[in-house]
Amino acid sequence: MTTWDPKTVVAGVDGSRESIDATKVAVDLARSRSAKLIIVTVVRPPEGWWGIVGSPPTAEALGDSLTQAQRDILDLVLRSVNLGDVDYETQEEIGEPASRLVSVCVETDADLLVVGRRGAGLLRRLVVGSVANHVVQEAPCPVLVVP
């Protein structure tokens, strides 16, 4: 009989209650298995957030805005979970969340990806799909979706 012995657990966070709950599960799994935990936030660059009549932001302003958004998400998550006795790191990514999470799993040779299930409406899920659905289909490792 083989036993599952994960060495690396990745948790995808977006600041939602679901992602914080998923991170708590990932922390417990990492702690119980003495695995490394990588907490990843992915911010999608806004498209046209400056409006029709405005001009696009400078690259510096956009970069600062995305960096601040990531820090806010990570700060919220880190305040919400007990990371005592857990070997962890945080990663900040920019891009399409599902594909970046899959890439992080490949790059880190992750044994498990933990994400929250989002309450996206039916129309949105039909048009773009959910991050959870995409990573379940594409991740190179098992995916745990936490409600």
Protein backbone atom coordinates (compact mmCIF):
# COMPACT_ATOMS: atom_id res chain seq x y z
CA MET A 1 0.00 0.00 0.00
CA THR A 2 1.36 3.39 -0.93
CA THR A 3 0.88 6.47 1.18
CA TRP A 4 0.47 9.99 -0.02
CA ASP A 5 3.35 12.12 1.22
CA PRO A 6 3.02 15.63 -0.24
CA LYS A 7 6.13 17.78 -0.08
CA THR A 8 4.67 20.94 -1.64
CA VAL A 9 1.15 22.34 -1.28
CA VAL A 10 0.06 25.38 -3.28
CA ALA A 11 -2.87 27.53 -2.11
CA GLY A 12 -4.43 29.97 -4.57
CA VAL A 13 -5.85 33.06 -2.88
CA ASP A 14 -7.88 36.02 -4.10
CA GLY A 15 -8.99 37.54 -0.80
CA SER A 16 -12.46 36.00 -0.90
CA ARG A 17 -13.90 34.15 2.10
CA GLU A 18 -13.70 30.95 0.03
CA SER A 19 -9.99 31.38 -0.66
CA ILE A 20 -9.27 32.10 3.00
CA ASP A 21 -11.14 28.92 3.96
CA ALA A 22 -9.15 27.02 1.32
CA THR A 23 -5.90 28.43 2.71
CA LYS A 24 -6.84 27.25 6.20
CA VAL A 25 -7.29 23.73 4.81
CA ALA A 26 -3.96 24.00 2.94
CA VAL A 27 -2.21 25.17 6.12
CA ASP A 28 -3.60 22.22 8.09
CA LEU A 29 -2.53 19.78 5.37
CA ALA A 30 0.95 21.29 5.10
CA ARG A 31 1.38 21.28 8.87
CA SER A 32 0.20 17.68 9.30
CA ARG A 33 2.46 16.42 6.50
CA SER A 34 5.45 18.72 7.18
CA ALA A 35 5.06 19.97 3.63
CA LYS A 36 6.08 23.34 2.23
CA LEU A 37 3.16 25.69 1.64
CA ILE A 38 3.21 28.21 -1.19
CA ILE A 39 0.49 30.85 -0.94
CA VAL A 40 -0.09 32.37 -4.37
CA THR A 41 -2.11 35.39 -5.34
CA VAL A 42 -2.71 36.18 -8.98
CA VAL A 43 -3.93 39.59 -10.04
CA ARG A 44 -5.38 39.96 -13.50
CA PRO A 45 -4.37 43.25 -15.15
CA PRO A 46 -7.49 45.34 -15.67
CA GLU A 47 -8.66 45.89 -19.21
CA GLY A 48 -9.94 49.37 -19.88
CA TRP A 49 -10.46 50.25 -16.22
CA TRP A 50 -9.65 53.87 -17.01
CA GLY A 51 -12.87 54.24 -18.99
CA ILE A 52 -13.68 55.24 -22.51
CA VAL A 53 -12.75 58.92 -22.27
CA GLY A 54 -9.68 58.57 -20.04
CA SER A 55 -6.18 57.75 -21.04
CA PRO A 56 -4.51 54.50 -20.00
CA PRO A 57 -2.43 54.59 -16.82
CA THR A 58 1.31 54.76 -17.02
CA ALA A 59 3.12 51.45 -16.68
CA GLU A 60 4.40 52.60 -13.29
CA ALA A 61 0.91 53.50 -12.01
CA LEU A 62 -0.52 50.20 -13.23
CA GLY A 63 2.35 48.24 -11.68
CA ASP A 64 1.95 50.06 -8.37
CA SER A 65 -1.79 49.39 -8.38
CA LEU A 66 -1.33 45.66 -9.07
CA THR A 67 1.42 45.34 -6.45
CA GLN A 68 -0.75 47.04 -3.84
CA ALA A 69 -3.70 44.77 -4.69
CA GLN A 70 -1.50 41.70 -4.20
CA ARG A 71 -0.14 42.97 -0.90
CA ASP A 72 -3.66 43.70 0.35
CA ILE A 73 -4.80 40.17 -0.54
CA LEU A 74 -1.78 38.51 1.03
CA ASP A 75 -2.00 40.66 4.17
CA LEU A 76 -5.66 39.70 4.60
CA VAL A 77 -4.92 36.00 4.15
CA LEU A 78 -1.87 36.01 6.42
CA ARG A 79 -3.90 37.73 9.17
CA SER A 80 -6.67 35.14 8.78
CA VAL A 81 -4.67 31.92 9.14
CA ASN A 82 -2.37 30.45 11.78
CA LEU A 83 0.92 29.68 10.05
CA GLY A 84 2.75 28.56 13.19
CA ASP A 85 5.04 25.58 12.55
CA VAL A 86 4.46 25.77 8.78
CA ASP A 87 7.25 26.25 6.25
CA TYR A 88 5.63 28.70 3.84
CA GLU A 89 6.32 31.37 1.28
CA THR A 90 4.16 33.75 -0.68
CA GLN A 91 4.19 34.38 -4.40
CA GLU A 92 2.68 37.27 -6.31
CA GLU A 93 1.76 36.63 -9.92
CA ILE A 94 0.17 38.77 -12.62
CA GLY A 95 -1.94 37.27 -15.37
CA GLU A 96 -4.87 34.97 -15.89
CA PRO A 97 -5.40 33.30 -12.48
CA ALA A 98 -6.04 29.70 -13.56
CA SER A 99 -3.12 29.49 -15.98
CA ARG A 100 -0.72 31.18 -13.53
CA LEU A 101 -1.74 28.79 -10.73
CA VAL A 102 -1.15 25.83 -13.03
CA SER A 103 2.26 27.27 -13.99
CA VAL A 104 3.23 27.70 -10.34
CA CYS A 105 2.29 24.06 -9.71
CA VAL A 106 4.50 22.96 -12.61
CA GLU A 107 7.40 25.22 -11.57
CA THR A 108 7.34 24.07 -7.94
CA ASP A 109 6.54 20.42 -8.64
CA ALA A 110 3.49 20.79 -6.39
CA ASP A 111 1.84 17.71 -4.96
CA LEU A 112 -1.48 19.45 -4.29
CA LEU A 113 -3.26 22.65 -5.30
CA VAL A 114 -5.92 23.97 -2.93
CA VAL A 115 -8.42 26.60 -4.12
CA GLY A 116 -11.76 27.91 -3.01
CA ARG A 117 -14.94 27.47 -4.94
CA ARG A 118 -16.22 30.85 -6.06
CA GLY A 119 -19.86 31.80 -6.22
CA ALA A 120 -19.73 33.10 -9.78
CA GLY A 121 -23.09 33.32 -11.47
CA LEU A 122 -24.18 30.71 -13.99
CA LEU A 123 -23.80 33.04 -16.99
CA ARG A 124 -20.26 33.99 -16.01
CA ARG A 125 -19.30 30.33 -15.53
CA LEU A 126 -20.76 29.43 -18.91
CA VAL A 127 -18.89 32.23 -20.66
CA VAL A 128 -15.48 32.23 -18.96
CA GLY A 129 -15.59 29.30 -16.53
CA SER A 130 -14.35 29.42 -12.98
CA VAL A 131 -10.75 29.35 -11.83
CA ALA A 132 -11.52 26.19 -9.85
CA ASN A 133 -12.94 24.47 -12.92
CA HIS A 134 -9.96 25.44 -15.07
CA VAL A 135 -7.33 24.28 -12.58
CA VAL A 136 -9.13 20.98 -11.97
CA GLN A 137 -8.86 20.33 -15.70
CA GLU A 138 -5.30 21.60 -16.23
CA ALA A 139 -3.25 21.21 -13.04
CA PRO A 140 -0.41 18.65 -13.07
CA CYS A 141 -1.32 17.57 -9.52
CA PRO A 142 -4.44 16.76 -7.51
CA VAL A 143 -6.69 19.76 -6.82
CA LEU A 144 -8.73 20.20 -3.67
CA VAL A 145 -11.65 22.60 -4.13
CA VAL A 146 -12.90 23.90 -0.78
CA PRO A 147 -16.49 25.21 -0.61
